[in-house]
Protein backbone atom coordinates (compact mmCIF):
# COMPACT_ATOMS: atom_id res chain seq x y z
CA UNK A 1 0.00 0.00 0.00
CA UNK A 2 1.36 3.39 -1.00
CA UNK A 3 2.05 5.74 1.84
CA UNK A 4 0.09 8.98 1.90
CA UNK A 5 1.98 12.22 1.68
CA UNK A 6 1.79 15.52 3.48
CA UNK A 7 3.40 18.30 1.48
CA UNK A 8 5.06 21.13 3.41
CA UNK A 9 5.85 24.21 1.35
CA UNK A 10 8.38 26.80 2.45
CA UNK A 11 9.13 30.17 0.94
CA UNK A 12 11.34 32.69 2.66
CA UNK A 13 11.65 30.84 5.94
CA UNK A 14 13.17 27.94 7.80
CA UNK A 15 11.58 24.59 8.46
CA UNK A 16 12.84 23.04 11.64
CA UNK A 17 10.58 20.25 12.81
CA UNK A 18 7.20 18.61 12.50
CA UNK A 19 5.39 16.41 14.96
CA UNK A 20 2.20 14.42 14.88
CA UNK A 21 2.46 13.01 11.37
CA UNK A 22 -0.03 10.15 11.40
CA UNK A 23 1.12 6.59 10.83
CA UNK A 24 1.05 5.74 7.13
CA UNK A 25 2.03 9.24 6.00
CA UNK A 26 5.29 10.58 4.68
CA UNK A 27 6.39 14.20 4.84
CA UNK A 28 7.53 15.88 1.62
CA UNK A 29 9.27 19.24 1.82
CA UNK A 30 9.12 21.71 -1.06
CA UNK A 31 11.47 24.62 -0.52
CA UNK A 32 10.52 27.19 -3.14
CA UNK A 33 13.61 29.31 -2.42
CA UNK A 34 15.85 26.36 -3.30
CA UNK A 35 13.73 25.49 -6.32
CA UNK A 36 12.99 28.87 -7.90
CA UNK A 37 14.83 31.46 -5.83
CA UNK A 38 17.19 34.00 -7.37
CA UNK A 39 20.30 31.98 -6.49
CA UNK A 40 18.62 28.56 -6.69
CA UNK A 41 20.26 25.51 -8.19
CA UNK A 42 16.96 24.41 -9.68
CA UNK A 43 18.26 21.26 -11.37
CA UNK A 44 19.92 20.01 -8.19
CA UNK A 45 16.81 20.69 -6.11
CA UNK A 46 14.45 19.14 -8.68
CA UNK A 47 16.31 15.82 -8.75
CA UNK A 48 16.02 15.55 -4.96
CA UNK A 49 12.22 15.62 -5.18
CA UNK A 50 10.37 12.34 -5.50
CA UNK A 51 8.04 11.56 -8.40
CA UNK A 52 4.90 12.24 -6.37
CA UNK A 53 6.20 15.64 -5.33
CA UNK A 54 7.05 16.50 -8.92
CA UNK A 55 3.56 15.46 -9.98
CA UNK A 56 2.06 17.54 -7.17
CA UNK A 57 3.97 20.61 -8.35
CA UNK A 58 3.01 20.00 -12.00
CA UNK A 59 -0.67 19.64 -11.13
CA UNK A 60 -1.02 22.31 -8.44
CA UNK A 61 1.44 24.91 -9.74
CA UNK A 62 1.62 24.64 -13.55
CA UNK A 63 3.29 28.04 -14.02
CA UNK A 64 5.99 27.22 -11.46
CA UNK A 65 6.42 23.78 -13.01
CA UNK A 66 6.93 25.38 -16.42
CA UNK A 67 9.53 27.73 -14.90
CA UNK A 68 11.35 24.76 -13.35
CA UNK A 69 11.35 22.97 -16.71
CA UNK A 70 12.66 26.11 -18.42
CA UNK A 71 15.46 26.50 -15.88
CA UNK A 72 16.60 22.90 -16.21
CA UNK A 73 16.38 22.98 -20.00
CA UNK A 74 13.19 21.04 -20.73
CA UNK A 75 10.06 22.15 -22.47
CA UNK A 76 6.82 21.47 -20.66
CA UNK A 77 4.23 19.29 -22.38
CA UNK A 78 1.45 21.16 -20.57
């Protein structure tokens, strides 16, 4: 059975800790500063994200997804 995910998004701040994640869930961290910030290494950050997180970004944030694809040298199919 696939584990459920809780996505935590950060922009302009620090993530230190989370408690109370229910059994059967995994925590996925999306740090927008590392992904699309001015000094971001977008390609490096993108490859650290799992496939479900990438899909989440593509579906929930199509404009940001297209920017990520542009920065790493791919054209979006969307």
